[in-house]
Amino acid sequence: ETAQVHSGGILKATPHMVRAVSKPGVARSTLAVFTEPGHDYAMSIPEGRTVDQTLKCAHLPEGVPTLESRWTKGVNFGDFGNKTIQSYYKS
């Protein structure tokens, strides 16, 4: 999603949400590699791109919060990340 914001929506994040396996005796193993900017790095939309072009995703699976609900103008990467985690783990 960070790349989606920084590219103005030219690159699109894959909408997904990882869920635990519900069958006994079945395990899920994954090795994910992420790159990310520094905590204070601004999550800015590039000049010439609109918020709508950047944030819209037509087909989100159930339970995946929209990018529009988590990104705000001027937000930094750390705050965006915290808001994203909170949106998945509501109390």
PDB file of N, CA and C in Angstrom:
ATOM      1  N   GLU A   1       0.809  -1.188   0.000  1.00  0.00           N
ATOM      2  CA  GLU A   1       0.000   0.000   0.000  1.00  0.00           C
ATOM      3  C   GLU A   1       0.855   1.256   0.000  1.00  0.00           C
ATOM      4  N   THR A   2       2.008   1.181   0.625  1.00  0.00           N
ATOM      5  CA  THR A   2       2.905   2.327   0.612  1.00  0.00           C
ATOM      6  C   THR A   2       3.305   2.659  -0.821  1.00  0.00           C
ATOM      7  N   ALA A   3       3.648   1.647  -1.606  1.00  0.00           N
ATOM      8  CA  ALA A   3       4.010   1.872  -3.008  1.00  0.00           C
ATOM      9  C   ALA A   3       2.820   2.411  -3.794  1.00  0.00           C
ATOM     10  N   GLN A   4       1.623   1.983  -3.451  1.00  0.00           N
ATOM     11  CA  GLN A   4       0.426   2.495  -4.135  1.00  0.00           C
ATOM     12  C   GLN A   4       0.287   3.995  -3.881  1.00  0.00           C
ATOM     13  N   VAL A   5       0.455   4.421  -2.645  1.00  0.00           N
ATOM     14  CA  VAL A   5       0.360   5.847  -2.323  1.00  0.00           C
ATOM     15  C   VAL A   5       1.485   6.618  -3.000  1.00  0.00           C
ATOM     16  N   HIS A   6       2.713   6.140  -2.867  1.00  0.00           N
ATOM     17  CA  HIS A   6       3.851   6.878  -3.415  1.00  0.00           C
ATOM     18  C   HIS A   6       3.867   6.917  -4.941  1.00  0.00           C
ATOM     19  N   SER A   7       3.203   5.969  -5.590  1.00  0.00           N
ATOM     20  CA  SER A   7       3.141   5.975  -7.059  1.00  0.00           C
ATOM     21  C   SER A   7       1.874   6.664  -7.567  1.00  0.00           C
ATOM     22  N   GLY A   8       1.048   7.148  -6.670  1.00  0.00           N
ATOM     23  CA  GLY A   8      -0.189   7.787  -7.079  1.00  0.00           C
ATOM     24  C   GLY A   8      -1.203   6.810  -7.631  1.00  0.00           C
ATOM     25  N   GLY A   9      -1.104   5.546  -7.239  1.00  0.00           N
ATOM     26  CA  GLY A   9      -2.048   4.533  -7.677  1.00  0.00           C
ATOM     27  C   GLY A   9      -1.635   3.805  -8.945  1.00  0.00           C
ATOM     28  N   ILE A  10      -0.477   4.145  -9.496  1.00  0.00           N
ATOM     29  CA  ILE A  10       0.006   3.435 -10.693  1.00  0.00           C
ATOM     30  C   ILE A  10       0.337   1.993 -10.317  1.00  0.00           C
ATOM     31  N   LEU A  11       1.027   1.815  -9.184  1.00  0.00           N
ATOM     32  CA  LEU A  11       1.225   0.469  -8.626  1.00  0.00           C
ATOM     33  C   LEU A  11       0.068   0.208  -7.684  1.00  0.00           C
ATOM     34  N   LYS A  12      -0.518  -0.971  -7.749  1.00  0.00           N
ATOM     35  CA  LYS A  12      -1.651  -1.296  -6.887  1.00  0.00           C
ATOM     36  C   LYS A  12      -1.266  -2.378  -5.885  1.00  0.00           C
ATOM     37  N   ALA A  13      -1.664  -2.161  -4.646  1.00  0.00           N
ATOM     38  CA  ALA A  13      -1.464  -3.177  -3.617  1.00  0.00           C
ATOM     39  C   ALA A  13      -2.414  -4.338  -3.887  1.00  0.00           C
ATOM     40  N   THR A  14      -1.984  -5.535  -3.580  1.00  0.00           N
ATOM     41  CA  THR A  14      -2.848  -6.706  -3.718  1.00  0.00           C
ATOM     42  C   THR A  14      -3.776  -6.762  -2.514  1.00  0.00           C
ATOM     43  N   PRO A  15      -5.080  -6.615  -2.743  1.00  0.00           N
ATOM     44  CA  PRO A  15      -5.993  -6.652  -1.594  1.00  0.00           C
ATOM     45  C   PRO A  15      -6.090  -8.061  -1.027  1.00  0.00           C
ATOM     46  N   HIS A  16      -5.713  -8.204   0.229  1.00  0.00           N
ATOM     47  CA  HIS A  16      -5.767  -9.522   0.854  1.00  0.00           C
ATOM     48  C   HIS A  16      -5.700  -9.385   2.366  1.00  0.00           C
ATOM     49  N   MET A  17      -6.030 -10.462   3.027  1.00  0.00           N
ATOM     50  CA  MET A  17      -5.910 -10.537   4.469  1.00  0.00           C
ATOM     51  C   MET A  17      -5.583 -11.985   4.818  1.00  0.00           C
ATOM     52  N   VAL A  18      -4.522 -12.215   5.542  1.00  0.00           N
ATOM     53  CA  VAL A  18      -4.104 -13.567   5.904  1.00  0.00           C
ATOM     54  C   VAL A  18      -4.928 -14.026   7.105  1.00  0.00           C
ATOM     55  N   ARG A  19      -5.469 -15.218   6.997  1.00  0.00           N
ATOM     56  CA  ARG A  19      -6.254 -15.793   8.096  1.00  0.00           C
ATOM     57  C   ARG A  19      -5.625 -17.105   8.537  1.00  0.00           C
ATOM     58  N   ALA A  20      -5.852 -17.452   9.776  1.00  0.00           N
ATOM     59  CA  ALA A  20      -5.305 -18.702  10.321  1.00  0.00           C
ATOM     60  C   ALA A  20      -5.982 -19.905   9.677  1.00  0.00           C
ATOM     61  N   VAL A  21      -5.250 -21.001   9.584  1.00  0.00           N
ATOM     62  CA  VAL A  21      -5.801 -22.255   9.070  1.00  0.00           C
ATOM     63  C   VAL A  21      -6.733 -22.835  10.125  1.00  0.00           C
ATOM     64  N   SER A  22      -7.895 -23.309   9.702  1.00  0.00           N
ATOM     65  CA  SER A  22      -8.870 -23.813  10.674  1.00  0.00           C
ATOM     66  C   SER A  22      -8.952 -25.337  10.720  1.00  0.00           C
ATOM     67  N   LYS A  23      -8.046 -26.036  10.026  1.00  0.00           N
ATOM     68  CA  LYS A  23      -8.074 -27.511  10.028  1.00  0.00           C
ATOM     69  C   LYS A  23      -6.984 -28.041  10.958  1.00  0.00           C
ATOM     70  N   PRO A  24      -7.332 -28.974  11.827  1.00  0.00           N
ATOM     71  CA  PRO A  24      -6.332 -29.569  12.725  1.00  0.00           C
ATOM     72  C   PRO A  24      -5.243 -30.283  11.917  1.00  0.00           C
ATOM     73  N   GLY A  25      -4.013 -30.130  12.354  1.00  0.00           N
ATOM     74  CA  GLY A  25      -2.895 -30.815  11.705  1.00  0.00           C
ATOM     75  C   GLY A  25      -2.381 -30.129  10.457  1.00  0.00           C
ATOM     76  N   VAL A  26      -2.951 -28.973  10.110  1.00  0.00           N
ATOM     77  CA  VAL A  26      -2.507 -28.242   8.922  1.00  0.00           C
ATOM     78  C   VAL A  26      -1.853 -26.947   9.385  1.00  0.00           C
ATOM     79  N   ALA A  27      -0.676 -26.693   8.877  1.00  0.00           N
ATOM     80  CA  ALA A  27       0.044 -25.474   9.232  1.00  0.00           C
ATOM     81  C   ALA A  27       0.270 -24.634   7.982  1.00  0.00           C
ATOM     82  N   ARG A  28       0.435 -23.362   8.168  1.00  0.00           N
ATOM     83  CA  ARG A  28       0.728 -22.460   7.063  1.00  0.00           C
ATOM     84  C   ARG A  28       2.069 -21.812   7.351  1.00  0.00           C
ATOM     85  N   SER A  29       2.999 -21.947   6.433  1.00  0.00           N
ATOM     86  CA  SER A  29       4.315 -21.337   6.592  1.00  0.00           C
ATOM     87  C   SER A  29       4.537 -20.351   5.450  1.00  0.00           C
ATOM     88  N   THR A  30       4.978 -19.165   5.794  1.00  0.00           N
ATOM     89  CA  THR A  30       5.204 -18.127   4.802  1.00  0.00           C
ATOM     90  C   THR A  30       6.459 -17.352   5.172  1.00  0.00           C
ATOM     91  N   LEU A  31       7.197 -16.947   4.174  1.00  0.00           N
ATOM     92  CA  LEU A  31       8.320 -16.044   4.383  1.00  0.00           C
ATOM     93  C   LEU A  31       8.012 -14.782   3.593  1.00  0.00           C
ATOM     94  N   ALA A  32       7.649 -13.745   4.292  1.00  0.00           N
ATOM     95  CA  ALA A  32       7.342 -12.469   3.644  1.00  0.00           C
ATOM     96  C   ALA A  32       8.535 -11.529   3.798  1.00  0.00           C
ATOM     97  N   VAL A  33       8.828 -10.809   2.761  1.00  0.00           N
ATOM     98  CA  VAL A  33       9.907  -9.825   2.795  1.00  0.00           C
ATOM     99  C   VAL A  33       9.294  -8.473   2.451  1.00  0.00           C
ATOM    100  N   PHE A  34       9.441  -7.523   3.337  1.00  0.00           N
ATOM    101  CA  PHE A  34       8.868  -6.200   3.139  1.00  0.00           C
ATOM    102  C   PHE A  34       9.968  -5.153   3.120  1.00  0.00           C
ATOM    103  N   THR A  35       9.768  -4.130   2.326  1.00  0.00           N
ATOM    104  CA  THR A  35      10.618  -2.950   2.397  1.00  0.00           C
ATOM    105  C   THR A  35       9.712  -1.798   2.798  1.00  0.00           C
ATOM    106  N   GLU A  36      10.255  -0.896   3.557  1.00  0.00           N
ATOM    107  CA  GLU A  36       9.435   0.215   4.016  1.00  0.00           C
ATOM    108  C   GLU A  36      10.280   1.457   4.249  1.00  0.00           C
ATOM    109  N   PRO A  37       9.636   2.617   4.137  1.00  0.00           N
ATOM    110  CA  PRO A  37      10.356   3.859   4.433  1.00  0.00           C
ATOM    111  C   PRO A  37      10.522   4.026   5.938  1.00  0.00           C
ATOM    112  N   GLY A  38      11.251   5.045   6.325  1.00  0.00           N
ATOM    113  CA  GLY A  38      11.408   5.354   7.741  1.00  0.00           C
ATOM    114  C   GLY A  38      10.084   5.757   8.370  1.00  0.00           C
ATOM    115  N   HIS A  39      10.000   5.640   9.683  1.00  0.00           N
ATOM    116  CA  HIS A  39       8.785   5.930  10.440  1.00  0.00           C
ATOM    117  C   HIS A  39       8.225   7.320  10.126  1.00  0.00           C
ATOM    118  N   ASP A  40       9.081   8.319  10.017  1.00  0.00           N
ATOM    119  CA  ASP A  40       8.632   9.698   9.817  1.00  0.00           C
ATOM    120  C   ASP A  40       8.479  10.091   8.348  1.00  0.00           C
ATOM    121  N   TYR A  41       8.679   9.135   7.430  1.00  0.00           N
ATOM    122  CA  TYR A  41       8.593   9.440   6.001  1.00  0.00           C
ATOM    123  C   TYR A  41       7.147   9.761   5.614  1.00  0.00           C
ATOM    124  N   ALA A  42       6.948  10.878   4.931  1.00  0.00           N
ATOM    125  CA  ALA A  42       5.603  11.320   4.541  1.00  0.00           C
ATOM    126  C   ALA A  42       4.991  10.393   3.495  1.00  0.00           C
ATOM    127  N   MET A  43       3.755  10.003   3.715  1.00  0.00           N
ATOM    128  CA  MET A  43       2.999   9.165   2.771  1.00  0.00           C
ATOM    129  C   MET A  43       2.251  10.095   1.814  1.00  0.00           C
ATOM    130  N   SER A  44       3.004  10.721   0.914  1.00  0.00           N
ATOM    131  CA  SER A  44       2.446  11.741   0.028  1.00  0.00           C
ATOM    132  C   SER A  44       2.086  11.185  -1.334  1.00  0.00           C
ATOM    133  N   ILE A  45       0.999  11.703  -1.884  1.00  0.00           N
ATOM    134  CA  ILE A  45       0.599  11.381  -3.252  1.00  0.00           C
ATOM    135  C   ILE A  45       1.403  12.285  -4.182  1.00  0.00           C
ATOM    136  N   PRO A  46       1.958  11.731  -5.268  1.00  0.00           N
ATOM    137  CA  PRO A  46       2.768  12.565  -6.160  1.00  0.00           C
ATOM    138  C   PRO A  46       1.941  13.649  -6.858  1.00  0.00           C
ATOM    139  N   GLU A  47       2.626  14.726  -7.149  1.00  0.00           N
ATOM    140  CA  GLU A  47       2.009  15.822  -7.890  1.00  0.00           C
ATOM    141  C   GLU A  47       1.457  15.295  -9.217  1.00  0.00           C
ATOM    142  N   GLY A  48       0.274  15.742  -9.581  1.00  0.00           N
ATOM    143  CA  GLY A  48      -0.328  15.311 -10.828  1.00  0.00           C
ATOM    144  C   GLY A  48      -1.256  14.114 -10.693  1.00  0.00           C
ATOM    145  N   ARG A  49      -1.286  13.482  -9.517  1.00  0.00           N
ATOM    146  CA  ARG A  49      -2.183  12.345  -9.271  1.00  0.00           C
ATOM    147  C   ARG A  49      -3.225  12.784  -8.242  1.00  0.00           C
ATOM    148  N   THR A  50      -4.420  12.241  -8.341  1.00  0.00           N
ATOM    149  CA  THR A  50      -5.486  12.612  -7.413  1.00  0.00           C
ATOM    150  C   THR A  50      -5.624  11.572  -6.303  1.00  0.00           C
ATOM    151  N   VAL A  51      -6.315  11.958  -5.255  1.00  0.00           N
ATOM    152  CA  VAL A  51      -6.600  11.040  -4.151  1.00  0.00           C
ATOM    153  C   VAL A  51      -7.400   9.859  -4.691  1.00  0.00           C
ATOM    154  N   ASP A  52      -8.378  10.142  -5.541  1.00  0.00           N
ATOM    155  CA  ASP A  52      -9.216   9.079  -6.098  1.00  0.00           C
ATOM    156  C   ASP A  52      -8.387   8.088  -6.924  1.00  0.00           C
ATOM    157  N   GLN A  53      -7.494   8.593  -7.771  1.00  0.00           N
ATOM    158  CA  GLN A  53      -6.634   7.714  -8.586  1.00  0.00           C
ATOM    159  C   GLN A  53      -5.738   6.859  -7.692  1.00  0.00           C
ATOM    160  N   THR A  54      -5.333   7.412  -6.587  1.00  0.00           N
ATOM    161  CA  THR A  54      -4.359   6.766  -5.714  1.00  0.00           C
ATOM    162  C   THR A  54      -4.966   5.714  -4.791  1.00  0.00           C
ATOM    163  N   LEU A  55      -6.100   6.010  -4.203  1.00  0.00           N
ATOM    164  CA  LEU A  55      -6.604   5.191  -3.101  1.00  0.00           C
ATOM    165  C   LEU A  55      -7.687   4.193  -3.467  1.00  0.00           C
ATOM    166  N   LYS A  56      -8.331   4.346  -4.597  1.00  0.00           N
ATOM    167  CA  LYS A  56      -9.470   3.484  -4.927  1.00  0.00           C
ATOM    168  C   LYS A  56      -9.034   2.051  -5.224  1.00  0.00           C
ATOM    169  N   CYS A  57      -9.795   1.107  -4.700  1.00  0.00           N
ATOM    170  CA  CYS A  57      -9.614  -0.314  -4.985  1.00  0.00           C
ATOM    171  C   CYS A  57     -11.008  -0.918  -5.059  1.00  0.00           C
ATOM    172  N   ALA A  58     -11.392  -1.350  -6.245  1.00  0.00           N
ATOM    173  CA  ALA A  58     -12.762  -1.769  -6.495  1.00  0.00           C
ATOM    174  C   ALA A  58     -13.139  -3.095  -5.841  1.00  0.00           C
ATOM    175  N   HIS A  59     -12.209  -3.987  -5.652  1.00  0.00           N
ATOM    176  CA  HIS A  59     -12.558  -5.348  -5.215  1.00  0.00           C
ATOM    177  C   HIS A  59     -11.779  -5.750  -3.968  1.00  0.00           C
ATOM    178  N   LEU A  60     -12.277  -5.349  -2.819  1.00  0.00           N
ATOM    179  CA  LEU A  60     -11.632  -5.733  -1.561  1.00  0.00           C
ATOM    180  C   LEU A  60     -12.347  -6.929  -0.951  1.00  0.00           C
ATOM    181  N   PRO A  61     -11.587  -7.913  -0.488  1.00  0.00           N
ATOM    182  CA  PRO A  61     -12.225  -9.034   0.224  1.00  0.00           C
ATOM    183  C   PRO A  61     -12.885  -8.540   1.515  1.00  0.00           C
ATOM    184  N   GLU A  62     -13.873  -9.275   1.965  1.00  0.00           N
ATOM    185  CA  GLU A  62     -14.542  -8.935   3.218  1.00  0.00           C
ATOM    186  C   GLU A  62     -13.518  -8.888   4.353  1.00  0.00           C
ATOM    187  N   GLY A  63     -13.595  -7.856   5.164  1.00  0.00           N
ATOM    188  CA  GLY A  63     -12.703  -7.718   6.314  1.00  0.00           C
ATOM    189  C   GLY A  63     -11.460  -6.889   6.048  1.00  0.00           C
ATOM    190  N   VAL A  64     -11.195  -6.534   4.793  1.00  0.00           N
ATOM    191  CA  VAL A  64     -10.024  -5.714   4.480  1.00  0.00           C
ATOM    192  C   VAL A  64     -10.447  -4.247   4.487  1.00  0.00           C
ATOM    193  N   PRO A  65      -9.877  -3.435   5.379  1.00  0.00           N
ATOM    194  CA  PRO A  65     -10.271  -2.034   5.449  1.00  0.00           C
ATOM    195  C   PRO A  65      -9.770  -1.256   4.229  1.00  0.00           C
ATOM    196  N   THR A  66     -10.550  -0.300   3.788  1.00  0.00           N
ATOM    197  CA  THR A  66     -10.167   0.488   2.611  1.00  0.00           C
ATOM    198  C   THR A  66      -8.955   1.361   2.915  1.00  0.00           C
ATOM    199  N   LEU A  67      -8.216   1.643   1.881  1.00  0.00           N
ATOM    200  CA  LEU A  67      -7.075   2.547   2.006  1.00  0.00           C
ATOM    201  C   LEU A  67      -7.572   3.945   2.377  1.00  0.00           C
ATOM    202  N   GLU A  68      -8.724   4.332   1.839  1.00  0.00           N
ATOM    203  CA  GLU A  68      -9.297   5.640   2.161  1.00  0.00           C
ATOM    204  C   GLU A  68      -9.581   5.802   3.649  1.00  0.00           C
ATOM    205  N   SER A  69      -9.867   4.687   4.338  1.00  0.00           N
ATOM    206  CA  SER A  69     -10.181   4.759   5.767  1.00  0.00           C
ATOM    207  C   SER A  69      -8.923   4.893   6.627  1.00  0.00           C
ATOM    208  N   ARG A  70      -7.746   4.718   6.019  1.00  0.00           N
ATOM    209  CA  ARG A  70      -6.504   4.722   6.810  1.00  0.00           C
ATOM    210  C   ARG A  70      -5.517   5.803   6.410  1.00  0.00           C
ATOM    211  N   TRP A  71      -5.595   6.312   5.182  1.00  0.00           N
ATOM    212  CA  TRP A  71      -4.657   7.328   4.713  1.00  0.00           C
ATOM    213  C   TRP A  71      -5.288   8.704   4.843  1.00  0.00           C
ATOM    214  N   THR A  72      -4.521   9.659   5.333  1.00  0.00           N
ATOM    215  CA  THR A  72      -4.938  11.062   5.355  1.00  0.00           C
ATOM    216  C   THR A  72      -3.776  11.915   4.884  1.00  0.00           C
ATOM    217  N   LYS A  73      -4.086  13.030   4.278  1.00  0.00           N
ATOM    218  CA  LYS A  73      -3.048  13.936   3.790  1.00  0.00           C
ATOM    219  C   LYS A  73      -2.122  14.329   4.947  1.00  0.00           C
ATOM    220  N   GLY A  74      -0.822  14.202   4.717  1.00  0.00           N
ATOM    221  CA  GLY A  74       0.162  14.575   5.724  1.00  0.00           C
ATOM    222  C   GLY A  74       0.559  13.455   6.673  1.00  0.00           C
ATOM    223  N   VAL A  75      -0.071  12.284   6.577  1.00  0.00           N
ATOM    224  CA  VAL A  75       0.258  11.185   7.479  1.00  0.00           C
ATOM    225  C   VAL A  75       1.656  10.641   7.166  1.00  0.00           C
ATOM    226  N   ASN A  76       2.384  10.250   8.203  1.00  0.00           N
ATOM    227  CA  ASN A  76       3.695   9.631   7.964  1.00  0.00           C
ATOM    228  C   ASN A  76       3.542   8.107   7.981  1.00  0.00           C
ATOM    229  N   PHE A  77       4.584   7.426   7.549  1.00  0.00           N
ATOM    230  CA  PHE A  77       4.518   5.968   7.424  1.00  0.00           C
ATOM    231  C   PHE A  77       4.207   5.282   8.752  1.00  0.00           C
ATOM    232  N   GLY A  78       4.831   5.731   9.828  1.00  0.00           N
ATOM    233  CA  GLY A  78       4.609   5.106  11.132  1.00  0.00           C
ATOM    234  C   GLY A  78       3.158   5.214  11.587  1.00  0.00           C
ATOM    235  N   ASP A  79       2.591   6.404  11.462  1.00  0.00           N
ATOM    236  CA  ASP A  79       1.194   6.596  11.875  1.00  0.00           C
ATOM    237  C   ASP A  79       0.244   5.829  10.963  1.00  0.00           C
ATOM    238  N   PHE A  80       0.544   5.791   9.664  1.00  0.00           N
ATOM    239  CA  PHE A  80      -0.261   5.012   8.731  1.00  0.00           C
ATOM    240  C   PHE A  80      -0.214   3.530   9.107  1.00  0.00           C
ATOM    241  N   GLY A  81       0.965   3.036   9.415  1.00  0.00           N
ATOM    242  CA  GLY A  81       1.117   1.638   9.815  1.00  0.00           C
ATOM    243  C   GLY A  81       0.351   1.322  11.086  1.00  0.00           C
ATOM    244  N   ASN A  82       0.436   2.215  12.068  1.00  0.00           N
ATOM    245  CA  ASN A  82      -0.289   2.011  13.322  1.00  0.00           C
ATOM    246  C   ASN A  82      -1.800   2.006  13.089  1.00  0.00           C
ATOM    247  N   LYS A  83      -2.279   2.929  12.273  1.00  0.00           N
ATOM    248  CA  LYS A  83      -3.711   2.986  11.978  1.00  0.00           C
ATOM    249  C   LYS A  83      -4.162   1.726  11.232  1.00  0.00           C
ATOM    250  N   THR A  84      -3.298   1.213  10.350  1.00  0.00           N
ATOM    251  CA  THR A  84      -3.621  -0.010   9.614  1.00  0.00           C
ATOM    252  C   THR A  84      -3.751  -1.189  10.569  1.00  0.00           C
ATOM    253  N   ILE A  85      -2.802  -1.344  11.466  1.00  0.00           N
ATOM    254  CA  ILE A  85      -2.857  -2.446  12.434  1.00  0.00           C
ATOM    255  C   ILE A  85      -4.104  -2.325  13.301  1.00  0.00           C
ATOM    256  N   GLN A  86      -4.394  -1.120  13.774  1.00  0.00           N
ATOM    257  CA  GLN A  86      -5.578  -0.915  14.603  1.00  0.00           C
ATOM    258  C   GLN A  86      -6.863  -1.243  13.844  1.00  0.00           C
ATOM    259  N   SER A  87      -6.896  -0.986  12.543  1.00  0.00           N
ATOM    260  CA  SER A  87      -8.122  -1.250  11.781  1.00  0.00           C
ATOM    261  C   SER A  87      -8.395  -2.745  11.617  1.00  0.00           C
ATOM    262  N   TYR A  88      -7.352  -3.557  11.699  1.00  0.00           N
ATOM    263  CA  TYR A  88      -7.534  -5.010  11.627  1.00  0.00           C
ATOM    264  C   TYR A  88      -7.822  -5.629  12.989  1.00  0.00           C
ATOM    265  N   TYR A  89      -7.314  -5.027  14.042  1.00  0.00           N
ATOM    266  CA  TYR A  89      -7.436  -5.589  15.387  1.00  0.00           C
ATOM    267  C   TYR A  89      -8.242  -4.660  16.283  1.00  0.00           C
ATOM    268  N   LYS A  90      -9.485  -4.417  15.888  1.00  0.00           N
ATOM    269  CA  LYS A  90     -10.372  -3.560  16.692  1.00  0.00           C
ATOM    270  C   LYS A  90     -10.729  -4.288  17.973  1.00  0.00           C
ATOM    271  N   SER A  91     -10.799  -3.516  19.045  1.00  0.00           N
ATOM    272  CA  SER A  91     -11.156  -4.144  20.327  1.00  0.00           C
ATOM    273  C   SER A  91     -12.631  -4.152  20.555  1.00  0.00           C
TER     274      SER A  91
END
